[in-house]
């Protein structure tokens, strides 16, 4: 499908036909990137998306504990290296 680059204020843009938006499942916020002389449009990533599920799985596997702390709350570095 061909389209024209149009002036939008001090910038330029394109109109994306509705059918392409529906097929691509793009939301209202996107990320633009240049790859090999092409402009790539992607749905905006959501930081920490899916973290809740990952933390739940870690807890189920008992893999959500501090690795460097014993029951007293001091790390090995605290006990061996720190001078009080």
C-alpha atoms as a PDB file:
ATOM      1  CA  UNK A   1       0.000   0.000   0.000  1.00  0.00           C
ATOM      2  CA  UNK A   2       1.410   3.391  -0.948  1.00  0.00           C
ATOM      3  CA  UNK A   3       0.791   6.638   0.905  1.00  0.00           C
ATOM      4  CA  UNK A   4       2.180  10.178   0.911  1.00  0.00           C
ATOM      5  CA  UNK A   5       4.237  11.971   3.510  1.00  0.00           C
ATOM      6  CA  UNK A   6       2.285  15.037   4.647  1.00  0.00           C
ATOM      7  CA  UNK A   7       3.201  18.176   6.584  1.00  0.00           C
ATOM      8  CA  UNK A   8       1.977  18.246  10.196  1.00  0.00           C
ATOM      9  CA  UNK A   9       3.050  21.565  11.734  1.00  0.00           C
ATOM     10  CA  UNK A  10       6.859  21.648  11.730  1.00  0.00           C
ATOM     11  CA  UNK A  11       7.000  17.859  11.291  1.00  0.00           C
ATOM     12  CA  UNK A  12       5.920  15.392   8.671  1.00  0.00           C
ATOM     13  CA  UNK A  13       3.852  12.263   8.966  1.00  0.00           C
ATOM     14  CA  UNK A  14       1.769   9.655   7.236  1.00  0.00           C
ATOM     15  CA  UNK A  15      -1.832   8.561   7.559  1.00  0.00           C
ATOM     16  CA  UNK A  16      -2.096   4.895   8.471  1.00  0.00           C
ATOM     17  CA  UNK A  17      -5.221   3.274   7.036  1.00  0.00           C
ATOM     18  CA  UNK A  18      -7.647   1.787   9.578  1.00  0.00           C
ATOM     19  CA  UNK A  19      -7.258  -1.739   8.187  1.00  0.00           C
ATOM     20  CA  UNK A  20      -3.484  -1.672   8.787  1.00  0.00           C
ATOM     21  CA  UNK A  21      -3.977  -0.404  12.333  1.00  0.00           C
ATOM     22  CA  UNK A  22      -6.475  -3.186  13.023  1.00  0.00           C
ATOM     23  CA  UNK A  23      -4.207  -5.857  11.573  1.00  0.00           C
ATOM     24  CA  UNK A  24      -1.127  -4.605  13.450  1.00  0.00           C
ATOM     25  CA  UNK A  25      -2.932  -4.204  16.815  1.00  0.00           C
ATOM     26  CA  UNK A  26      -1.074  -0.934  17.463  1.00  0.00           C
ATOM     27  CA  UNK A  27      -2.349   1.087  20.398  1.00  0.00           C
ATOM     28  CA  UNK A  28      -2.404   4.844  20.719  1.00  0.00           C
ATOM     29  CA  UNK A  29       1.260   4.982  21.795  1.00  0.00           C
ATOM     30  CA  UNK A  30       4.021   3.581  19.593  1.00  0.00           C
ATOM     31  CA  UNK A  31       7.801   3.431  19.430  1.00  0.00           C
ATOM     32  CA  UNK A  32       9.671   4.453  16.295  1.00  0.00           C
ATOM     33  CA  UNK A  33      13.066   3.076  15.350  1.00  0.00           C
ATOM     34  CA  UNK A  34      15.279   3.120  12.286  1.00  0.00           C
ATOM     35  CA  UNK A  35      16.563  -0.293  11.170  1.00  0.00           C
ATOM     36  CA  UNK A  36      18.496  -0.734   7.921  1.00  0.00           C
ATOM     37  CA  UNK A  37      17.170   2.517   6.439  1.00  0.00           C
ATOM     38  CA  UNK A  38      13.591   1.581   7.387  1.00  0.00           C
ATOM     39  CA  UNK A  39      11.289   3.216   9.918  1.00  0.00           C
ATOM     40  CA  UNK A  40       9.866   0.529  12.186  1.00  0.00           C
ATOM     41  CA  UNK A  41       6.687   1.230  14.196  1.00  0.00           C
ATOM     42  CA  UNK A  42       6.069  -0.960  17.258  1.00  0.00           C
ATOM     43  CA  UNK A  43       3.555  -0.898  20.068  1.00  0.00           C
ATOM     44  CA  UNK A  44       5.048   0.986  22.989  1.00  0.00           C
ATOM     45  CA  UNK A  45       6.536  -1.416  25.495  1.00  0.00           C
ATOM     46  CA  UNK A  46       5.271  -1.298  29.031  1.00  0.00           C
ATOM     47  CA  UNK A  47       8.087  -1.368  31.570  1.00  0.00           C
ATOM     48  CA  UNK A  48       7.683  -4.134  34.125  1.00  0.00           C
ATOM     49  CA  UNK A  49       4.889  -5.747  32.103  1.00  0.00           C
ATOM     50  CA  UNK A  50       4.456  -9.290  33.385  1.00  0.00           C
ATOM     51  CA  UNK A  51       6.562  -8.801  36.524  1.00  0.00           C
ATOM     52  CA  UNK A  52       3.652  -9.693  38.816  1.00  0.00           C
ATOM     53  CA  UNK A  53       3.302 -13.111  37.214  1.00  0.00           C
ATOM     54  CA  UNK A  54       7.072 -13.697  37.317  1.00  0.00           C
ATOM     55  CA  UNK A  55       7.201 -12.795  41.031  1.00  0.00           C
ATOM     56  CA  UNK A  56       4.296 -15.151  41.729  1.00  0.00           C
ATOM     57  CA  UNK A  57       6.140 -17.989  39.960  1.00  0.00           C
ATOM     58  CA  UNK A  58       9.320 -17.217  41.894  1.00  0.00           C
ATOM     59  CA  UNK A  59       7.416 -17.398  45.187  1.00  0.00           C
ATOM     60  CA  UNK A  60       5.852 -20.740  44.203  1.00  0.00           C
ATOM     61  CA  UNK A  61       9.357 -22.109  43.556  1.00  0.00           C
ATOM     62  CA  UNK A  62      10.720 -20.585  46.801  1.00  0.00           C
ATOM     63  CA  UNK A  63      13.088 -18.557  44.647  1.00  0.00           C
ATOM     64  CA  UNK A  64      12.183 -15.158  46.114  1.00  0.00           C
ATOM     65  CA  UNK A  65      14.602 -15.070  49.047  1.00  0.00           C
ATOM     66  CA  UNK A  66      17.654 -12.854  49.503  1.00  0.00           C
ATOM     67  CA  UNK A  67      20.701 -14.837  48.469  1.00  0.00           C
ATOM     68  CA  UNK A  68      23.382 -13.103  50.526  1.00  0.00           C
ATOM     69  CA  UNK A  69      21.621 -12.763  53.883  1.00  0.00           C
ATOM     70  CA  UNK A  70      21.365 -15.152  56.760  1.00  0.00           C
ATOM     71  CA  UNK A  71      18.641 -15.030  59.399  1.00  0.00           C
ATOM     72  CA  UNK A  72      20.400 -12.280  61.364  1.00  0.00           C
ATOM     73  CA  UNK A  73      19.998  -9.905  58.415  1.00  0.00           C
ATOM     74  CA  UNK A  74      23.734  -9.458  57.877  1.00  0.00           C
ATOM     75  CA  UNK A  75      25.401 -10.265  54.610  1.00  0.00           C
ATOM     76  CA  UNK A  76      28.672 -12.166  54.383  1.00  0.00           C
ATOM     77  CA  UNK A  77      30.335  -8.883  53.477  1.00  0.00           C
ATOM     78  CA  UNK A  78      28.883  -7.245  56.609  1.00  0.00           C
ATOM     79  CA  UNK A  79      30.288  -9.994  58.811  1.00  0.00           C
ATOM     80  CA  UNK A  80      33.696 -10.430  57.176  1.00  0.00           C
ATOM     81  CA  UNK A  81      34.663  -7.102  55.677  1.00  0.00           C
ATOM     82  CA  UNK A  82      32.915  -4.276  57.518  1.00  0.00           C
ATOM     83  CA  UNK A  83      34.824  -2.673  60.369  1.00  0.00           C
ATOM     84  CA  UNK A  84      32.647  -1.223  63.116  1.00  0.00           C
END
